[in-house]
Amino acid sequence: MRIVGGLALAGLLGACASGIVPPDAATRPSPTRPSAGAPPSAPARPQPTATLPETPANLPARQPSAAVPLPAMPAPTAYSGAASAVAAGLIAGPAIETLPITLENAGRALAAFKLSCPGLQRRTDATGLTRGSDWTDACAAAAGWSGDARIFFAQRFETVQVGTGAAFATGYYEPEIAGVRERRSGYDVPVYGLPDNLIEVDLGQFSDALKGKRIRGRVDGRQFVPFYDRAQIEQGALEGHAPVVAWAADPIEMFFLQVQGSGRLKGPDGQVVRIGYAGQNGRDYTGIGKLMKDRGLLGPGQTSMQGIVAWLRAHPEEGRAIMRENKSFVFFKELTGAGPLGAMGYPVAGWTSVAADPKFIPLGAPLFLSMDRTDATGLWVAQDTGGAIKGPNRVDTFWGAGEDARAIAGGMSARGTAWLLLPKGTLARLAGSQPAQAQLPIPQP
């Protein structure tokens, strides 16, 4: 699961990980794009050392190649405050074969869709759009498909616009920073595992009005109180209560790895330790980018992750205080096997997976984004969630690992149009199942 999302690397200006606990998760890890093929390989680069003379966070954000989004279908009156995709209003979208989907793009999306099929068929779809059985035929066909993946999607799916279709996309990635398993000189930032005194409470057990709400805290005498915040943890509050799974070299890099929710620690000997989300302290997330922007610390063009990091490095004391204003703190566990894992429990794929709000986009479903920058345009698969990824047509695109992924994700902010891909016949079934006084607005294109 993504910890945050928002402008230029999502959560730096967004909100997330509140005292209400997010779902259990690990993390998450175009047409032109210039060719929508495999992501370009990043040039070889020396790994950061304990002295950190230069870090990938200082690399400039990738400059976008502009594009003109396809127009959305004419929408009825907007349904403000809708709690699900059905409540937001549905409109039939364009035929899939008319969308600019490349062979490579479709192939990656098909692989991700096949991986998601077991979850699609067993999960309860919070959008109100599909039932598990709706995906059976498409999943069966995907399992044995060996031809042009574009034909698969055109034959098995129809496009659906949720509400106005107006989409906003940000980006995330799997960071790699300097770190080791055992503490040594220059590696002094603890990467904490889950504390033994962190307690999670299901409030629904106490009141029906609080069903689905959870909080985290600790016991102090006879009182249940908020868990330690970031400043208290950094000052040693977890001594004797939390394992240290690894040690990082740079507190700023570790702060941003917490924002991402997972990453890789690479030691001077080349050994890599992959870590993922194990829990959170229950404190509200505060996007430091927004704080810095509101206080006039960041000028125009400096609100990317790269700009924020540059300011923090130039002002170490003030930077430490600002980072501590984000009271949220993430705990980690070591990961083995494929990954990083999305909220569905499956590995997410760069240039293919997105985080989305499961009340508006079924987890595991494909979607097509037509955006104002080419790298975000194409066929994606919703395999993850994020604390600040909320509402219809709001997504966080995953770009994989490495410096190139970081450069793209750090500056990703795209707007355009989104269409869900749902099994053929879904719209007709939904329209026929609604009572006469609450018919869904489903005009044909």
Protein backbone atom coordinates (compact mmCIF):
# COMPACT_ATOMS: atom_id res chain seq x y z
CA MET A 1 0.00 0.00 0.00
CA ARG A 2 1.12 3.50 -0.73
CA ILE A 3 1.52 5.67 2.32
CA VAL A 4 0.62 8.89 0.51
CA GLY A 5 -0.04 10.49 -2.83
CA GLY A 6 -0.33 14.02 -4.22
CA LEU A 7 1.42 16.70 -6.27
CA ALA A 8 4.89 15.70 -7.40
CA LEU A 9 5.44 12.40 -5.67
CA ALA A 10 2.06 12.40 -4.25
CA GLY A 11 2.03 12.58 -0.55
CA LEU A 12 4.54 15.35 -0.09
CA LEU A 13 1.70 17.83 -0.55
CA GLY A 14 -1.10 15.40 0.26
CA ALA A 15 -2.62 13.80 3.32
CA CYS A 16 -2.57 10.24 4.49
CA ALA A 17 -2.00 7.67 7.20
CA SER A 18 -4.29 9.25 9.71
CA GLY A 19 -5.18 7.97 13.16
CA ILE A 20 -7.79 5.89 11.38
CA VAL A 21 -5.73 2.94 10.23
CA PRO A 22 -5.43 2.22 6.49
CA PRO A 23 -6.04 -1.32 5.17
CA ASP A 24 -3.30 -3.85 5.77
CA ALA A 25 -0.74 -3.67 2.99
CA ALA A 26 2.87 -3.90 2.04
CA THR A 27 3.53 -1.20 -0.59
CA ARG A 28 3.46 -0.70 -3.93
CA PRO A 29 5.68 -0.61 -6.06
CA SER A 30 3.10 4.52 -22.27
CA PRO A 31 2.01 5.41 -25.31
CA THR A 32 4.54 7.53 -26.23
CA ARG A 33 6.02 7.07 -23.61
CA PRO A 34 8.02 7.54 -26.36
CA SER A 35 7.37 4.07 -27.74
CA ALA A 36 5.34 2.60 -24.88
CA GLY A 37 7.79 -0.25 -24.72
CA ALA A 38 9.88 -1.33 -21.77
CA PRO A 39 11.02 1.45 -19.44
CA PRO A 40 14.32 2.97 -20.55
CA SER A 41 17.30 1.71 -18.62
CA ALA A 42 19.02 4.14 -16.31
CA PRO A 43 22.74 4.79 -16.80
CA ALA A 44 25.11 3.15 -14.39
CA ARG A 45 25.83 5.31 -11.40
CA PRO A 46 27.96 4.88 -8.27
CA GLN A 47 25.97 3.83 -5.23
CA PRO A 48 25.63 6.39 -2.43
CA THR A 49 28.15 6.00 0.36
CA ALA A 50 27.85 6.72 4.04
CA THR A 51 29.16 10.24 3.42
CA LEU A 52 26.44 10.80 0.82
CA PRO A 53 28.20 13.34 -1.43
CA GLU A 54 25.32 13.03 -3.90
CA THR A 55 21.98 11.22 -3.79
CA PRO A 56 19.45 10.28 -6.46
CA ALA A 57 16.95 12.62 -4.78
CA ASN A 58 19.02 15.49 -6.11
CA LEU A 59 18.55 14.40 -9.71
CA PRO A 60 16.18 16.68 -11.62
CA ALA A 61 12.59 15.56 -12.12
CA ARG A 62 11.94 14.13 -15.56
CA GLN A 63 10.60 16.82 -17.86
CA PRO A 64 7.31 15.66 -19.40
CA SER A 65 6.49 15.38 -23.09
CA ALA A 66 3.19 17.18 -23.53
CA ALA A 67 0.13 15.47 -25.02
CA VAL A 68 -3.49 16.38 -25.70
CA PRO A 69 -5.90 14.18 -23.70
CA LEU A 70 -8.90 12.63 -25.40
CA PRO A 71 -12.10 14.42 -24.38
CA ALA A 72 -14.35 12.84 -21.77
CA MET A 73 -17.86 11.75 -22.68
CA PRO A 74 -20.50 14.42 -21.97
CA ALA A 75 -21.48 13.87 -18.35
CA PRO A 76 -24.72 14.57 -16.55
CA THR A 77 -24.78 16.84 -13.53
CA ALA A 78 -21.78 16.03 -11.37
CA TYR A 79 -22.50 13.94 -8.27
CA SER A 80 -20.46 15.73 -5.64
CA GLY A 81 -19.52 13.81 -2.54
CA ALA A 82 -20.38 10.43 -4.05
CA ALA A 83 -19.22 7.51 -1.93
CA SER A 84 -18.75 4.99 -4.75
CA ALA A 85 -18.42 4.71 -8.51
CA VAL A 86 -22.09 3.81 -8.94
CA ALA A 87 -23.15 6.81 -6.89
CA ALA A 88 -20.90 9.10 -8.96
CA GLY A 89 -22.73 8.21 -12.18
CA LEU A 90 -21.62 6.02 -15.07
CA ILE A 91 -21.33 6.74 -18.77
CA ALA A 92 -20.43 4.32 -21.56
CA GLY A 93 -17.02 5.25 -22.98
CA PRO A 94 -15.35 4.83 -26.37
CA ALA A 95 -14.71 1.47 -28.00
CA ILE A 96 -11.41 0.01 -26.81
CA GLU A 97 -10.14 -0.52 -30.34
CA THR A 98 -10.29 3.27 -30.89
CA LEU A 99 -7.91 4.00 -27.99
CA PRO A 100 -4.18 4.50 -28.68
CA ILE A 101 -2.94 1.33 -26.95
CA THR A 102 0.34 -0.12 -28.17
CA LEU A 103 1.20 -3.82 -28.32
CA GLU A 104 3.85 -3.50 -25.60
CA ASN A 105 1.57 -1.51 -23.33
CA ALA A 106 -1.27 -4.03 -23.74
CA GLY A 107 1.10 -6.94 -23.09
CA ARG A 108 2.26 -5.50 -19.78
CA ALA A 109 -1.32 -4.76 -18.74
CA LEU A 110 -2.45 -8.28 -19.63
CA ALA A 111 0.30 -9.79 -17.46
CA ALA A 112 -0.74 -7.60 -14.52
CA PHE A 113 -4.42 -8.38 -15.07
CA LYS A 114 -3.76 -12.14 -15.08
CA LEU A 115 -1.85 -11.80 -11.83
CA SER A 116 -4.78 -9.91 -10.29
CA CYS A 117 -7.49 -12.34 -11.40
CA PRO A 118 -7.68 -14.47 -8.23
CA GLY A 119 -8.21 -11.38 -6.11
CA LEU A 120 -10.68 -9.88 -8.57
CA GLN A 121 -12.86 -12.97 -8.38
CA ARG A 122 -12.87 -13.34 -4.59
CA ARG A 123 -12.89 -9.73 -3.36
CA THR A 124 -16.02 -7.75 -2.61
CA ASP A 125 -15.99 -4.84 -5.05
CA ALA A 126 -16.55 -1.65 -3.03
CA THR A 127 -17.31 0.33 -6.19
CA GLY A 128 -20.67 -1.39 -6.63
CA LEU A 129 -19.78 -2.09 -10.26
CA THR A 130 -18.87 -5.77 -10.41
CA ARG A 131 -19.32 -9.15 -8.76
CA GLY A 132 -16.59 -11.74 -8.57
CA SER A 133 -18.34 -13.90 -11.15
CA ASP A 134 -18.34 -11.02 -13.65
CA TRP A 135 -14.59 -11.52 -14.13
CA THR A 136 -14.65 -15.29 -14.65
CA ASP A 137 -14.76 -15.34 -18.45
CA ALA A 138 -12.16 -12.60 -18.90
CA CYS A 139 -9.81 -14.25 -16.40
CA ALA A 140 -10.21 -17.64 -18.06
CA ALA A 141 -9.44 -16.13 -21.47
CA ALA A 142 -6.45 -14.22 -20.09
CA ALA A 143 -4.92 -17.37 -18.61
CA GLY A 144 -4.52 -18.96 -22.03
CA TRP A 145 -4.07 -15.88 -24.21
CA SER A 146 -1.05 -15.94 -26.50
CA GLY A 147 -1.92 -13.45 -29.25
CA ASP A 148 -2.14 -9.68 -29.56
CA ALA A 149 -3.12 -8.42 -26.09
CA ARG A 150 -4.95 -5.46 -27.63
CA ILE A 151 -7.41 -7.90 -29.19
CA PHE A 152 -7.95 -9.55 -25.82
CA PHE A 153 -8.98 -6.28 -24.20
CA ALA A 154 -11.15 -5.25 -27.17
CA GLN A 155 -13.00 -8.57 -27.16
CA ARG A 156 -13.58 -8.93 -23.43
CA PHE A 157 -14.07 -5.41 -22.09
CA GLU A 158 -16.11 -2.23 -22.46
CA THR A 159 -15.05 1.21 -21.24
CA VAL A 160 -16.92 3.06 -18.52
CA GLN A 161 -16.54 6.66 -17.46
CA VAL A 162 -17.08 7.40 -13.77
CA GLY A 163 -18.63 10.83 -13.24
CA THR A 164 -16.97 13.49 -15.36
CA GLY A 165 -13.99 11.25 -16.13
CA ALA A 166 -11.58 14.04 -15.15
CA ALA A 167 -8.38 12.26 -14.05
CA PHE A 168 -5.40 13.31 -11.97
CA ALA A 169 -2.25 11.15 -11.83
CA THR A 170 0.83 11.36 -9.65
CA GLY A 171 3.72 8.91 -9.36
CA TYR A 172 5.55 6.66 -6.93
CA TYR A 173 8.50 4.29 -7.11
CA GLU A 174 10.58 1.86 -5.06
CA PRO A 175 13.50 3.89 -3.68
CA GLU A 176 16.99 2.56 -3.10
CA ILE A 177 19.06 4.23 -0.42
CA ALA A 178 22.27 3.50 1.47
CA GLY A 179 21.65 1.02 4.28
CA VAL A 180 22.94 -2.14 6.00
CA ARG A 181 21.60 -4.90 8.25
CA GLU A 182 24.10 -4.41 11.05
CA ARG A 183 25.05 -0.99 12.40
CA ARG A 184 28.41 0.37 11.35
CA SER A 185 30.13 3.73 11.08
CA GLY A 186 28.14 6.11 8.93
CA TYR A 187 24.93 4.08 9.17
CA ASP A 188 23.18 5.43 12.23
CA VAL A 189 19.50 5.82 11.27
CA PRO A 190 17.47 2.92 12.72
CA VAL A 191 14.87 1.24 10.52
CA TYR A 192 12.37 0.09 13.11
CA GLY A 193 10.20 -2.98 13.00
CA LEU A 194 6.75 -3.14 14.60
CA PRO A 195 6.89 -2.14 18.31
CA ASP A 196 5.59 -4.61 20.88
CA ASN A 197 3.65 -1.85 22.70
CA LEU A 198 1.76 -0.60 19.62
CA ILE A 199 -1.90 -1.61 19.94
CA GLU A 200 -4.52 -1.53 17.20
CA VAL A 201 -8.16 -1.18 18.25
CA ASP A 202 -11.17 -2.08 16.11
CA LEU A 203 -13.69 0.56 17.14
CA GLY A 204 -16.49 -1.35 15.46
CA GLN A 205 -16.37 -3.78 18.38
CA PHE A 206 -17.56 -0.97 20.65
CA SER A 207 -20.13 0.79 18.46
CA ASP A 208 -21.94 -0.03 15.23
CA ALA A 209 -21.51 3.62 14.25
CA LEU A 210 -17.75 3.07 14.24
CA LYS A 211 -17.67 -0.06 12.08
CA GLY A 212 -14.65 -0.08 9.80
CA LYS A 213 -12.77 2.41 11.96
CA ARG A 214 -9.51 1.48 13.67
CA ILE A 215 -7.05 3.43 15.75
CA ARG A 216 -3.54 2.76 17.00
CA GLY A 217 -2.03 3.76 20.31
CA ARG A 218 -0.42 2.42 23.48
CA VAL A 219 -1.34 1.78 27.11
CA ASP A 220 -0.02 4.21 29.71
CA GLY A 221 -1.08 3.04 33.15
CA ARG A 222 -4.86 2.65 32.88
CA GLN A 223 -5.16 4.96 29.89
CA PHE A 224 -5.11 4.24 26.15
CA VAL A 225 -3.12 7.12 24.63
CA PRO A 226 -1.76 8.08 21.21
CA PHE A 227 1.41 6.27 20.22
CA TYR A 228 4.73 8.11 20.14
CA ASP A 229 5.09 10.62 17.32
CA ARG A 230 8.04 11.02 14.95
CA ALA A 231 10.01 13.37 17.21
CA GLN A 232 9.60 11.11 20.26
CA ILE A 233 10.63 8.04 18.26
CA GLU A 234 13.71 9.77 16.87
CA GLN A 235 14.63 10.78 20.43
CA GLY A 236 14.60 7.16 21.63
CA ALA A 237 11.04 6.45 22.79
CA LEU A 238 11.11 2.96 21.23
CA GLU A 239 14.18 1.82 23.16
CA GLY A 240 13.54 -1.80 24.17
CA HIS A 241 10.16 -1.93 22.41
CA ALA A 242 10.94 -2.28 18.70
CA PRO A 243 13.41 -4.38 16.73
CA VAL A 244 15.82 -2.59 14.40
CA VAL A 245 15.62 -4.44 11.09
CA ALA A 246 18.36 -2.37 9.42
CA TRP A 247 20.34 0.87 9.56
CA ALA A 248 20.20 3.67 6.99
CA ALA A 249 22.88 6.25 6.30
CA ASP A 250 20.79 9.34 5.69
CA PRO A 251 17.75 10.53 7.70
CA ILE A 252 16.35 12.53 4.77
CA GLU A 253 16.51 9.56 2.42
CA MET A 254 14.90 7.39 5.11
CA PHE A 255 12.11 9.94 5.59
CA PHE A 256 11.26 9.74 1.89
CA LEU A 257 11.43 5.96 1.91
CA GLN A 258 8.79 6.08 4.64
CA VAL A 259 6.65 8.23 2.36
CA GLN A 260 6.94 5.56 -0.33
CA GLY A 261 6.21 2.74 2.11
CA SER A 262 8.87 0.31 0.84
CA GLY A 263 12.29 0.31 -0.72
CA ARG A 264 15.75 -1.15 -0.97
CA LEU A 265 18.73 -0.62 1.31
CA LYS A 266 22.09 -1.08 -0.39
CA GLY A 267 25.31 -1.46 1.54
CA PRO A 268 28.86 -0.53 0.49
CA ASP A 269 29.48 -4.21 -0.30
CA GLY A 270 26.56 -4.23 -2.75
CA GLN A 271 24.27 -6.28 -0.50
CA VAL A 272 20.61 -5.27 -0.90
CA VAL A 273 17.94 -5.58 1.79
CA ARG A 274 14.36 -5.04 0.66
CA ILE A 275 11.99 -3.63 3.26
CA GLY A 276 8.23 -3.12 3.21
CA TYR A 277 5.42 -1.62 5.24
CA ALA A 278 4.73 -3.43 8.53
CA GLY A 279 2.65 -0.81 10.32
CA GLN A 280 2.27 2.83 11.28
CA ASN A 281 2.06 4.71 14.56
CA GLY A 282 -1.52 5.92 14.05
CA ARG A 283 -0.59 9.60 13.94
CA ASP A 284 -1.88 11.88 11.18
CA TYR A 285 0.28 12.30 8.11
CA THR A 286 1.35 15.87 7.32
CA GLY A 287 2.73 16.60 3.87
CA ILE A 288 5.86 18.67 4.48
CA GLY A 289 5.84 19.99 0.90
CA LYS A 290 2.59 21.81 1.56
CA LEU A 291 3.93 23.21 4.82
CA MET A 292 7.03 24.49 3.06
CA LYS A 293 5.07 25.94 0.18
CA ASP A 294 2.59 27.70 2.49
CA ARG A 295 5.48 29.20 4.44
CA GLY A 296 7.15 30.54 1.31
CA LEU A 297 10.16 28.23 1.62
CA LEU A 298 9.66 26.75 -1.86
CA GLY A 299 9.41 28.89 -4.94
CA PRO A 300 7.79 28.10 -8.30
CA GLY A 301 9.09 24.82 -9.70
CA GLN A 302 10.57 23.71 -6.36
CA THR A 303 7.62 21.65 -5.09
CA SER A 304 8.85 18.39 -6.57
CA MET A 305 10.49 15.83 -4.32
CA GLN A 306 13.85 16.95 -5.68
CA GLY A 307 13.20 20.58 -4.75
CA ILE A 308 12.06 19.66 -1.26
CA VAL A 309 15.13 17.49 -0.65
CA ALA A 310 17.46 20.24 -1.87
CA TRP A 311 15.96 22.68 0.66
CA LEU A 312 16.17 20.14 3.50
CA ARG A 313 19.85 19.54 2.78
CA ALA A 314 20.61 23.25 2.59
CA HIS A 315 18.87 23.89 5.94
CA PRO A 316 19.60 20.82 8.13
CA GLU A 317 18.33 22.11 11.48
CA GLU A 318 15.17 23.68 10.09
CA GLY A 319 14.72 20.65 7.86
CA ARG A 320 14.81 18.24 10.82
CA ALA A 321 12.17 20.31 12.59
CA ILE A 322 9.94 20.38 9.51
CA MET A 323 10.19 16.61 9.01
CA ARG A 324 9.17 16.13 12.65
CA GLU A 325 6.00 18.12 11.97
CA ASN A 326 4.91 15.00 10.10
CA LYS A 327 4.05 12.98 13.23
CA SER A 328 3.31 9.84 11.22
CA PHE A 329 5.99 7.15 11.42
CA VAL A 330 6.17 3.92 9.43
CA PHE A 331 7.55 0.59 10.68
CA PHE A 332 9.11 -1.96 8.33
CA LYS A 333 9.77 -5.64 7.84
CA GLU A 334 12.27 -7.34 5.58
CA LEU A 335 10.76 -8.59 2.32
CA THR A 336 11.74 -11.69 0.39
CA GLY A 337 10.53 -12.90 -2.97
CA ALA A 338 8.90 -10.79 -5.67
CA GLY A 339 7.86 -7.28 -4.87
CA PRO A 340 7.10 -4.68 -3.86
CA LEU A 341 3.60 -5.86 -3.03
CA GLY A 342 0.45 -3.84 -3.62
CA ALA A 343 -2.70 -3.77 -1.51
CA MET A 344 -3.98 -6.90 -3.30
CA GLY A 345 -0.96 -8.85 -2.04
CA TYR A 346 0.54 -9.21 -5.53
CA PRO A 347 3.78 -7.69 -6.86
CA VAL A 348 3.25 -4.37 -8.63
CA ALA A 349 4.98 -3.63 -11.93
CA GLY A 350 6.64 -0.43 -13.10
CA TRP A 351 4.97 1.40 -15.99
CA THR A 352 1.90 -0.81 -15.45
CA SER A 353 0.42 -0.68 -11.92
CA VAL A 354 -1.46 2.18 -10.32
CA ALA A 355 -2.77 2.87 -6.85
CA ALA A 356 -6.43 3.88 -6.81
CA ASP A 357 -9.39 4.43 -4.51
CA PRO A 358 -11.12 1.01 -4.32
CA LYS A 359 -14.50 2.71 -3.88
CA PHE A 360 -14.22 4.07 -7.42
CA ILE A 361 -11.88 1.68 -9.27
CA PRO A 362 -12.09 -2.09 -8.61
CA LEU A 363 -8.73 -3.40 -7.44
CA GLY A 364 -7.38 -5.58 -10.23
CA ALA A 365 -9.31 -3.82 -13.00
CA PRO A 366 -7.63 -2.30 -16.06
CA LEU A 367 -8.11 1.37 -16.87
CA PHE A 368 -7.07 3.65 -19.70
CA LEU A 369 -5.58 7.07 -18.99
CA SER A 370 -5.43 9.76 -21.67
CA MET A 371 -3.33 12.47 -20.05
CA ASP A 372 -1.60 15.75 -20.82
CA ARG A 373 1.81 14.04 -20.72
CA THR A 374 2.74 11.03 -22.80
CA ASP A 375 4.43 8.92 -20.13
CA ALA A 376 1.22 8.70 -18.09
CA THR A 377 -0.98 7.91 -21.09
CA GLY A 378 -1.88 4.27 -21.69
CA LEU A 379 -3.38 1.12 -20.24
CA TRP A 380 -2.79 0.53 -16.52
CA VAL A 381 -4.02 -1.94 -13.89
CA ALA A 382 -5.21 -0.91 -10.41
CA GLN A 383 -3.30 -3.12 -7.98
CA ASP A 384 -2.69 -0.85 -5.03
CA THR A 385 -4.18 1.82 -2.78
CA GLY A 386 -2.87 4.97 -1.09
CA GLY A 387 -3.92 7.01 1.90
CA ALA A 388 -4.23 10.20 -0.17
CA ILE A 389 -5.46 8.54 -3.36
CA LYS A 390 -9.13 9.30 -2.90
CA GLY A 391 -12.08 9.89 -5.18
CA PRO A 392 -13.06 9.03 -8.74
CA ASN A 393 -10.36 8.93 -11.44
CA ARG A 394 -7.53 9.69 -8.99
CA VAL A 395 -4.50 7.42 -9.48
CA ASP A 396 -0.87 7.10 -8.45
CA THR A 397 1.26 5.57 -11.21
CA PHE A 398 4.08 3.17 -10.27
CA TRP A 399 7.41 3.46 -12.14
CA GLY A 400 9.52 0.67 -10.64
CA ALA A 401 12.92 1.08 -9.00
CA GLY A 402 16.06 2.98 -9.81
CA GLU A 403 17.08 6.51 -10.64
CA ASP A 404 15.00 6.77 -13.79
CA ALA A 405 11.89 5.70 -11.90
CA ARG A 406 12.64 8.25 -9.21
CA ALA A 407 13.11 11.03 -11.74
CA ILE A 408 9.75 10.28 -13.39
CA ALA A 409 7.80 9.75 -10.18
CA GLY A 410 9.31 12.82 -8.54
CA GLY A 411 7.80 15.14 -11.11
CA MET A 412 4.66 13.24 -12.11
CA SER A 413 1.58 15.44 -12.15
CA ALA A 414 -0.77 14.74 -15.05
CA ARG A 415 -4.37 15.59 -15.85
CA GLY A 416 -6.70 14.19 -18.46
CA THR A 417 -9.42 11.59 -18.88
CA ALA A 418 -9.88 8.11 -17.38
CA TRP A 419 -12.01 5.18 -18.50
CA LEU A 420 -12.40 1.93 -16.58
CA LEU A 421 -12.31 -1.37 -18.47
CA LEU A 422 -15.07 -3.66 -17.19
CA PRO A 423 -16.28 -7.04 -18.49
CA LYS A 424 -18.67 -6.62 -21.40
CA GLY A 425 -22.29 -6.47 -20.29
CA THR A 426 -21.55 -4.78 -16.96
CA LEU A 427 -23.25 -1.51 -17.87
CA ALA A 428 -26.35 -3.23 -19.22
CA ARG A 429 -26.64 -5.31 -16.05
CA LEU A 430 -26.20 -2.27 -13.80
CA ALA A 431 -28.76 -0.23 -15.71
CA GLY A 432 -31.33 -3.02 -15.55
CA SER A 433 -30.82 -3.67 -11.85
CA GLN A 434 -31.58 -0.16 -10.62
CA PRO A 435 -35.06 0.82 -9.40
CA ALA A 436 -36.97 3.16 -11.69
CA GLN A 437 -36.58 6.12 -9.33
CA ALA A 438 -32.77 5.69 -9.22
CA GLN A 439 -31.76 4.79 -12.75
CA LEU A 440 -28.06 5.16 -13.44
CA PRO A 441 -27.16 7.83 -16.00
CA ILE A 442 -25.70 5.55 -18.69
CA PRO A 443 -26.11 7.28 -22.05
CA GLN A 444 -24.44 5.59 -25.01
CA PRO A 445 -21.58 7.38 -26.76
